Amino acid sequence: ARLPNPSNDASDVAAALKRSGFDVILATDLNKAQMDEATIRFARSARTADVALFYYSGHAMQFGGVNYLAPVDAQLADEADLRRMVRVDDIVADMQQAKNLRILVLDSCRDNPLAEELKRSIGRTRAMSMQRGLAKIDAPEGMILAYSTQAGRTAEDGNGRNSPYTTAFLKHVEAKEEIGAVFREISADVYQASGQS
């Protein structure tokens, strides 16, 4: 299902990061081949970066405790089709090459029709491997992980130009503050905007 916000989220975050001095790889509405190409370009750039930041807005899901990002052409008939998605663990591994700081932002915990389709096709017993939202990632040292909601929960896409999470991110990301404080303020804004749930 097409989400209204992710293209806007990506464009607006890219502009904010450029203003903050980041070299940006902007990629929107990607099929699997394009998504693979964009993540390869990112991996190569991360090798020489002082700070690597990966921001994703769109559909994602977890299966068996592994998180996957969905290209626009993803179709899941069974768990073998998970190879048609991008594993978040691969992106985390690519980011480890950055010299100082790694930041992974996943604005992607929306209800996912692909997950429901997969649950129906694999049967109830194996569907127990699937949970709502995304699985918790153990952050490697020197990495900040930010989700649009708590692990195992889903978030709303919102009705404005940007998702509620991206709205908060854009409000604070250019602040001249310590990075931990920036993400605490983002979390506080999202918590308040979501009716503290």
Protein backbone atom coordinates (compact mmCIF):
# COMPACT_ATOMS: atom_id res chain seq x y z
CA ALA A 1 0.00 0.00 0.00
CA ARG A 2 1.28 3.43 -0.88
CA LEU A 3 2.10 5.63 2.10
CA PRO A 4 1.58 9.38 1.67
CA ASN A 5 4.49 10.63 3.79
CA PRO A 6 7.75 8.75 3.06
CA SER A 7 8.76 10.64 -0.09
CA ASN A 8 8.18 13.95 1.69
CA ASP A 9 9.95 12.65 4.79
CA ALA A 10 13.01 11.61 2.77
CA SER A 11 13.21 14.87 0.81
CA ASP A 12 12.78 17.06 3.88
CA VAL A 13 15.28 15.09 5.98
CA ALA A 14 17.79 15.15 3.11
CA ALA A 15 17.48 18.94 2.87
CA ALA A 16 17.95 19.36 6.64
CA LEU A 17 20.99 17.08 6.65
CA LYS A 18 22.55 18.93 3.69
CA ARG A 19 22.13 22.20 5.61
CA SER A 20 23.96 20.52 8.50
CA GLY A 21 26.90 19.60 6.27
CA PHE A 22 26.14 15.97 5.43
CA ASP A 23 26.81 14.47 2.02
CA VAL A 24 23.41 12.99 1.19
CA ILE A 25 22.25 10.04 -0.89
CA LEU A 26 18.53 10.62 -1.44
CA ALA A 27 16.52 7.71 -2.78
CA THR A 28 12.72 7.44 -2.82
CA ASP A 29 10.09 4.95 -3.99
CA LEU A 30 12.64 2.24 -4.78
CA ASN A 31 12.14 -1.24 -6.14
CA LYS A 32 14.44 -4.01 -4.82
CA ALA A 33 17.22 -3.50 -7.39
CA GLN A 34 17.22 0.27 -6.77
CA MET A 35 17.16 -0.27 -3.01
CA ASP A 36 20.15 -2.61 -3.26
CA GLU A 37 22.01 -0.03 -5.36
CA ALA A 38 21.26 2.78 -2.87
CA THR A 39 22.41 0.69 0.11
CA ILE A 40 25.62 -0.26 -1.73
CA ARG A 41 26.33 3.43 -2.41
CA PHE A 42 25.66 4.16 1.26
CA ALA A 43 28.00 1.36 2.40
CA ARG A 44 30.81 2.75 0.24
CA SER A 45 30.25 6.28 1.56
CA ALA A 46 30.18 5.09 5.18
CA ARG A 47 33.74 3.74 4.84
CA THR A 48 35.20 7.26 4.77
CA ALA A 49 32.57 9.10 6.83
CA ASP A 50 33.14 10.60 10.26
CA VAL A 51 29.39 10.27 10.90
CA ALA A 52 27.10 7.88 9.02
CA LEU A 53 23.36 8.48 9.29
CA PHE A 54 20.83 6.18 7.63
CA TYR A 55 17.24 7.45 7.66
CA TYR A 56 14.41 5.24 6.40
CA SER A 57 10.74 6.12 6.10
CA GLY A 58 8.34 3.51 4.73
CA HIS A 59 7.08 -0.02 5.22
CA ALA A 60 9.14 -2.45 7.26
CA MET A 61 8.48 -5.60 9.23
CA GLN A 62 10.07 -8.18 11.47
CA PHE A 63 10.14 -11.93 11.06
CA GLY A 64 11.84 -14.23 13.55
CA GLY A 65 13.36 -11.22 15.32
CA VAL A 66 14.96 -9.90 12.09
CA ASN A 67 13.94 -6.50 10.72
CA TYR A 68 13.36 -5.93 7.01
CA LEU A 69 12.81 -2.77 4.93
CA ALA A 70 10.32 -3.12 2.09
CA PRO A 71 10.94 -1.95 -1.47
CA VAL A 72 7.87 -0.71 -3.33
CA ASP A 73 7.64 -3.90 -5.41
CA ALA A 74 7.87 -6.37 -2.50
CA GLN A 75 5.45 -9.30 -2.57
CA LEU A 76 5.62 -12.02 0.05
CA ALA A 77 4.13 -15.44 -0.63
CA ASP A 78 6.27 -17.22 1.97
CA GLU A 79 9.37 -16.60 4.11
CA ALA A 80 11.71 -17.29 1.17
CA ASP A 81 10.41 -14.02 -0.29
CA LEU A 82 11.96 -12.12 2.63
CA ARG A 83 15.07 -12.09 0.41
CA ARG A 84 13.15 -9.56 -1.69
CA MET A 85 13.51 -7.10 1.19
CA VAL A 86 16.55 -5.37 2.74
CA ARG A 87 17.78 -6.68 6.09
CA VAL A 88 18.36 -3.93 8.65
CA ASP A 89 21.24 -6.01 10.09
CA ASP A 90 23.10 -5.56 6.79
CA ILE A 91 22.75 -1.78 7.02
CA VAL A 92 23.95 -1.82 10.64
CA ALA A 93 27.02 -3.81 9.53
CA ASP A 94 27.71 -1.34 6.70
CA MET A 95 27.54 1.57 9.14
CA GLN A 96 30.23 0.09 11.42
CA GLN A 97 32.91 1.40 9.07
CA ALA A 98 32.18 5.07 9.89
CA LYS A 99 34.94 6.60 11.98
CA ASN A 100 33.11 8.28 14.86
CA LEU A 101 29.35 7.99 15.05
CA ARG A 102 26.63 5.92 13.43
CA ILE A 103 22.96 6.89 13.54
CA LEU A 104 20.15 4.64 12.29
CA VAL A 105 16.65 6.13 12.17
CA LEU A 106 13.71 3.90 11.27
CA ASP A 107 10.43 5.76 10.76
CA SER A 108 8.77 2.60 9.63
CA CYS A 109 6.64 0.95 12.26
CA ARG A 110 3.36 1.24 10.39
CA ASP A 111 0.84 -1.58 10.06
CA ASN A 112 2.12 -3.53 7.10
CA PRO A 113 -0.18 -5.29 4.62
CA LEU A 114 2.79 -7.41 3.45
CA ALA A 115 3.09 -8.86 6.95
CA GLU A 116 -0.60 -9.79 6.96
CA GLU A 117 -0.25 -11.41 3.52
CA LEU A 118 2.73 -13.43 4.72
CA LYS A 119 0.92 -14.53 7.89
CA ARG A 120 -1.98 -15.89 5.84
CA SER A 121 0.30 -17.79 3.47
CA ILE A 122 2.58 -19.48 6.01
CA GLY A 123 -0.07 -20.65 8.48
CA ARG A 124 -0.69 -19.93 12.14
CA THR A 125 2.16 -21.94 13.63
CA ARG A 126 4.95 -20.31 11.61
CA ALA A 127 3.21 -16.91 11.75
CA MET A 128 4.08 -16.84 15.45
CA SER A 129 7.57 -15.76 14.28
CA MET A 130 6.02 -12.43 13.29
CA GLN A 131 5.34 -9.63 15.73
CA ARG A 132 3.90 -6.16 15.35
CA GLY A 133 6.27 -3.31 14.54
CA LEU A 134 10.00 -3.92 14.49
CA ALA A 135 12.24 -6.08 16.67
CA LYS A 136 14.59 -4.42 19.14
CA ILE A 137 18.11 -4.05 17.80
CA ASP A 138 21.06 -4.29 20.16
CA ALA A 139 23.02 -1.16 19.29
CA PRO A 140 26.72 -1.72 18.67
CA GLU A 141 29.02 0.65 20.54
CA GLY A 142 29.11 4.11 18.95
CA MET A 143 25.67 3.75 17.34
CA ILE A 144 22.42 5.59 18.03
CA LEU A 145 19.25 3.73 17.05
CA ALA A 146 16.01 5.66 16.78
CA TYR A 147 12.59 4.17 16.06
CA SER A 148 9.38 6.04 15.39
CA THR A 149 7.83 3.98 18.19
CA GLN A 150 8.85 1.35 20.73
CA ALA A 151 10.00 -2.05 19.49
CA GLY A 152 7.03 -4.33 18.87
CA ARG A 153 4.61 -1.43 18.45
CA THR A 154 3.20 0.35 15.41
CA ALA A 155 3.03 4.07 14.69
CA GLU A 156 0.61 6.15 12.65
CA ASP A 157 1.68 7.65 9.34
CA GLY A 158 -0.02 10.96 10.17
CA ASN A 159 -2.13 13.32 8.11
CA GLY A 160 0.34 16.11 7.39
CA ARG A 161 3.21 16.47 4.94
CA ASN A 162 5.43 14.37 7.21
CA SER A 163 4.93 11.51 9.62
CA PRO A 164 4.72 12.50 13.30
CA TYR A 165 8.23 11.15 13.88
CA THR A 166 9.77 13.01 10.94
CA THR A 167 7.98 16.20 11.97
CA ALA A 168 9.71 15.98 15.37
CA PHE A 169 13.03 14.97 13.78
CA LEU A 170 12.99 17.99 11.46
CA LYS A 171 12.17 20.32 14.35
CA HIS A 172 15.26 19.28 16.33
CA VAL A 173 17.89 17.78 14.01
CA GLU A 174 19.56 21.08 13.14
CA ALA A 175 19.83 22.21 16.77
CA LYS A 176 23.36 22.88 17.99
CA GLU A 177 23.02 20.48 20.88
CA GLU A 178 24.58 17.20 21.99
CA ILE A 179 23.18 14.39 19.83
CA GLY A 180 21.68 12.49 22.78
CA ALA A 181 19.74 15.60 23.83
CA VAL A 182 18.45 16.04 20.26
CA PHE A 183 17.03 12.51 20.18
CA ARG A 184 15.53 12.88 23.68
CA GLU A 185 13.68 16.00 22.48
CA ILE A 186 12.50 14.18 19.35
CA SER A 187 11.18 11.33 21.51
CA ALA A 188 9.42 13.76 23.86
CA ASP A 189 7.70 15.49 20.91
CA VAL A 190 6.57 12.17 19.40
CA TYR A 191 5.33 10.98 22.79
CA GLN A 192 3.28 14.16 23.20
CA ALA A 193 1.99 14.19 19.59
CA SER A 194 0.85 10.56 19.82
CA GLY A 195 -1.30 11.20 22.86
CA GLN A 196 1.44 9.77 25.10
CA SER A 197 0.97 6.20 23.91
